[in-house]
């Protein structure tokens, strides 16, 4: 009996740690251009002249730090994220469900309909991951000019309802609409999530 209780308490402790590690607790702070790593400042210098709402952020989730450039260009909202060392991590473009390829869109909708009693899609982004053979400035220009059209993934923030609870989650689906991962979004991060 003692062994069973010990095993149950260990399982509970372990599963609690898993849930905590899967929670999105990002904090972002607006910064000046001069506070970005020099390699990121160089990328800013190559951006098109007609961009709007150019802003810079330092972001932390408690484990890692990163830098982010947010901007609007040709009526699209972009987020360009860099590591704390100035290496490009990804580019995200605000999107709508109807802008996703029909086959991927059907799979994504089917996932939500089959997994939750209720759901509301709050934010959809196309995510582009850089390749090692493409120079960063060329990759950024390719995304901004829509020369690179196939996203690596889709990130979707959704409010979902299960039989037990209602919560905000960030889902990552690959380019064909297959779920890759999800994490719970801390409600205090909610404003950040909306862009």
Protein backbone atom coordinates (compact mmCIF):
# COMPACT_ATOMS: atom_id res chain seq x y z
CA UNK A 1 0.00 0.00 0.00
CA UNK A 2 2.83 2.41 0.87
CA UNK A 3 4.49 1.63 -2.47
CA UNK A 4 1.28 2.43 -4.35
CA UNK A 5 0.94 5.76 -2.54
CA UNK A 6 4.58 6.59 -3.25
CA UNK A 7 4.16 5.76 -6.94
CA UNK A 8 0.95 7.81 -7.17
CA UNK A 9 2.56 10.81 -5.53
CA UNK A 10 5.57 10.55 -7.86
CA UNK A 11 3.30 10.33 -10.91
CA UNK A 12 1.29 13.32 -9.73
CA UNK A 13 4.44 15.35 -9.06
CA UNK A 14 5.89 14.44 -12.46
CA UNK A 15 2.69 15.26 -14.35
CA UNK A 16 2.40 18.58 -12.51
CA UNK A 17 5.90 19.47 -13.66
CA UNK A 18 4.99 18.61 -17.25
CA UNK A 19 1.97 20.90 -17.23
CA UNK A 20 3.98 23.74 -15.73
CA UNK A 21 6.74 23.33 -18.30
CA UNK A 22 4.16 23.49 -21.09
CA UNK A 23 2.69 26.81 -19.98
CA UNK A 24 3.49 29.90 -22.03
CA UNK A 25 4.61 32.63 -19.63
CA UNK A 26 6.29 35.09 -21.94
CA UNK A 27 6.94 38.67 -20.95
CA UNK A 28 7.94 41.27 -23.45
CA UNK A 29 9.36 44.72 -22.92
CA UNK A 30 9.63 47.43 -25.53
CA UNK A 31 13.22 48.50 -26.19
CA UNK A 32 15.15 50.92 -28.40
CA UNK A 33 16.88 50.00 -31.65
CA UNK A 34 20.25 50.53 -29.96
CA UNK A 35 19.47 47.72 -27.47
CA UNK A 36 19.22 45.07 -30.20
CA UNK A 37 22.24 42.90 -31.04
CA UNK A 38 24.30 44.39 -33.90
CA UNK A 39 23.31 41.60 -36.34
CA UNK A 40 19.62 42.38 -35.72
CA UNK A 41 20.24 46.12 -36.21
CA UNK A 42 21.82 45.25 -39.59
CA UNK A 43 18.62 43.42 -40.61
CA UNK A 44 16.56 46.45 -39.56
CA UNK A 45 18.72 48.52 -41.92
CA UNK A 46 17.76 46.27 -44.85
CA UNK A 47 13.98 46.50 -44.27
CA UNK A 48 11.86 48.20 -46.97
CA UNK A 49 11.34 51.94 -46.61
CA UNK A 50 7.52 51.73 -46.56
CA UNK A 51 7.16 49.69 -43.38
CA UNK A 52 4.87 50.99 -40.65
CA UNK A 53 4.61 50.56 -36.88
CA UNK A 54 8.21 49.38 -36.48
CA UNK A 55 8.76 48.33 -32.84
CA UNK A 56 11.44 46.41 -30.98
CA UNK A 57 11.03 44.08 -28.01
CA UNK A 58 13.05 41.98 -25.61
CA UNK A 59 11.19 38.84 -24.63
CA UNK A 60 11.75 36.30 -21.87
CA UNK A 61 9.94 33.17 -20.81
CA UNK A 62 12.03 32.51 -17.70
CA UNK A 63 14.34 30.10 -19.53
CA UNK A 64 15.49 32.01 -22.58
CA UNK A 65 15.68 35.55 -23.85
CA UNK A 66 15.00 36.69 -27.38
CA UNK A 67 14.49 39.84 -29.43
CA UNK A 68 11.58 40.64 -31.66
CA UNK A 69 10.89 43.14 -34.42
CA UNK A 70 7.21 43.87 -35.07
CA UNK A 71 6.08 45.78 -38.12
CA UNK A 72 3.35 46.28 -40.70
CA UNK A 73 4.14 46.05 -44.39
CA UNK A 74 1.74 45.92 -47.34
CA UNK A 75 -1.22 45.55 -44.94
CA UNK A 76 0.33 42.51 -43.18
CA UNK A 77 1.53 42.28 -39.56
CA UNK A 78 4.92 40.63 -39.15
CA UNK A 79 6.87 39.44 -36.14
CA UNK A 80 10.56 38.63 -36.70
CA UNK A 81 12.15 36.80 -33.77
CA UNK A 82 15.85 36.47 -33.01
CA UNK A 83 17.77 34.58 -30.33
CA UNK A 84 19.56 36.56 -27.63
CA UNK A 85 22.69 36.17 -29.81
CA UNK A 86 21.02 37.77 -32.84
CA UNK A 87 20.29 34.59 -34.86
CA UNK A 88 16.99 34.51 -36.75
CA UNK A 89 14.56 32.02 -35.15
CA UNK A 90 11.38 32.57 -37.16
CA UNK A 91 9.10 35.01 -38.93
CA UNK A 92 5.39 35.01 -38.20
CA UNK A 93 2.70 36.67 -40.30
CA UNK A 94 -0.77 37.34 -38.95
CA UNK A 95 -3.27 35.40 -41.04
CA UNK A 96 -6.86 34.20 -41.28
CA UNK A 97 -8.11 30.63 -41.41
CA UNK A 98 -9.40 31.11 -44.96
CA UNK A 99 -5.86 32.03 -46.10
CA UNK A 100 -4.59 28.54 -45.20
CA UNK A 101 -4.42 25.94 -47.98
CA UNK A 102 -7.75 24.08 -48.14
CA UNK A 103 -6.37 20.61 -47.24
CA UNK A 104 -4.47 21.92 -44.20
CA UNK A 105 -7.47 24.06 -43.19
CA UNK A 106 -9.80 21.05 -43.24
CA UNK A 107 -7.42 19.03 -41.02
CA UNK A 108 -7.03 21.91 -38.56
CA UNK A 109 -10.80 22.48 -38.32
CA UNK A 110 -11.40 18.74 -37.94
CA UNK A 111 -8.86 18.61 -35.09
CA UNK A 112 -10.67 21.35 -33.14
CA UNK A 113 -14.14 19.96 -33.83
CA UNK A 114 -13.14 16.43 -32.75
CA UNK A 115 -11.06 17.45 -29.73
CA UNK A 116 -13.13 20.10 -27.94
CA UNK A 117 -16.78 20.67 -27.10
CA UNK A 118 -16.30 24.36 -27.95
CA UNK A 119 -13.47 26.41 -29.38
CA UNK A 120 -12.78 29.92 -30.60
CA UNK A 121 -9.80 30.73 -32.80
CA UNK A 122 -8.33 33.98 -31.54
CA UNK A 123 -5.09 34.43 -33.47
CA UNK A 124 -3.65 32.61 -36.49
CA UNK A 125 -0.12 33.07 -37.75
CA UNK A 126 1.86 31.58 -40.59
CA UNK A 127 5.30 30.67 -39.25
CA UNK A 128 8.38 30.63 -41.50
CA UNK A 129 11.54 28.91 -40.25
CA UNK A 130 14.87 29.93 -41.81
CA UNK A 131 17.03 27.46 -43.65
CA UNK A 132 20.77 27.26 -43.10
CA UNK A 133 21.50 27.83 -46.80
CA UNK A 134 19.70 31.21 -47.04
CA UNK A 135 21.22 34.45 -45.82
CA UNK A 136 19.07 36.08 -43.12
CA UNK A 137 18.45 39.36 -44.96
CA UNK A 138 17.49 37.47 -48.14
CA UNK A 139 15.10 35.24 -46.18
CA UNK A 140 13.46 38.24 -44.44
CA UNK A 141 13.05 40.08 -47.78
CA UNK A 142 11.57 36.91 -49.32
CA UNK A 143 8.89 36.69 -46.64
CA UNK A 144 8.07 40.42 -46.71
CA UNK A 145 7.79 40.45 -50.52
CA UNK A 146 5.78 37.19 -50.52
CA UNK A 147 8.37 35.39 -52.68
CA UNK A 148 8.39 32.61 -50.08
CA UNK A 149 4.77 31.56 -49.83
CA UNK A 150 4.75 28.14 -48.17
CA UNK A 151 4.92 28.45 -44.38
CA UNK A 152 6.71 25.87 -42.24
CA UNK A 153 3.93 25.86 -39.63
CA UNK A 154 0.77 27.52 -38.44
CA UNK A 155 0.51 28.85 -34.88
CA UNK A 156 -3.02 29.20 -33.58
CA UNK A 157 -4.10 30.73 -30.28
CA UNK A 158 -7.51 29.33 -29.34
CA UNK A 159 -9.84 29.41 -26.38
CA UNK A 160 -10.96 25.82 -25.91
CA UNK A 161 -13.51 24.09 -23.70
CA UNK A 162 -13.04 20.54 -22.42
CA UNK A 163 -15.40 18.67 -20.08
CA UNK A 164 -13.15 19.80 -17.19
CA UNK A 165 -12.22 23.40 -17.98
CA UNK A 166 -11.84 26.30 -20.35
CA UNK A 167 -8.38 27.58 -21.23
CA UNK A 168 -6.29 29.47 -23.72
CA UNK A 169 -3.80 27.37 -25.71
CA UNK A 170 -1.23 27.94 -28.41
CA UNK A 171 -1.26 25.16 -31.02
CA UNK A 172 1.40 24.49 -33.64
CA UNK A 173 0.34 22.66 -36.80
CA UNK A 174 2.74 21.75 -39.60
CA UNK A 175 2.29 23.00 -43.17
CA UNK A 176 -0.15 20.18 -44.02
CA UNK A 177 -2.33 20.77 -40.94
CA UNK A 178 -1.10 18.04 -38.58
CA UNK A 179 -0.85 19.02 -34.90
CA UNK A 180 2.77 19.20 -33.72
CA UNK A 181 2.37 20.55 -30.19
CA UNK A 182 0.38 22.80 -27.91
CA UNK A 183 0.92 24.70 -24.70
CA UNK A 184 -1.32 26.49 -22.26
CA UNK A 185 -1.16 30.27 -22.47
CA UNK A 186 -1.07 32.06 -19.13
CA UNK A 187 -3.98 34.56 -19.04
CA UNK A 188 -1.59 37.33 -17.97
CA UNK A 189 0.16 36.87 -21.33
CA UNK A 190 -3.12 37.34 -23.17
CA UNK A 191 -2.52 40.96 -24.25
CA UNK A 192 0.89 40.00 -25.60
CA UNK A 193 -0.68 37.17 -27.59
CA UNK A 194 -2.97 39.48 -29.54
CA UNK A 195 0.01 41.26 -31.15
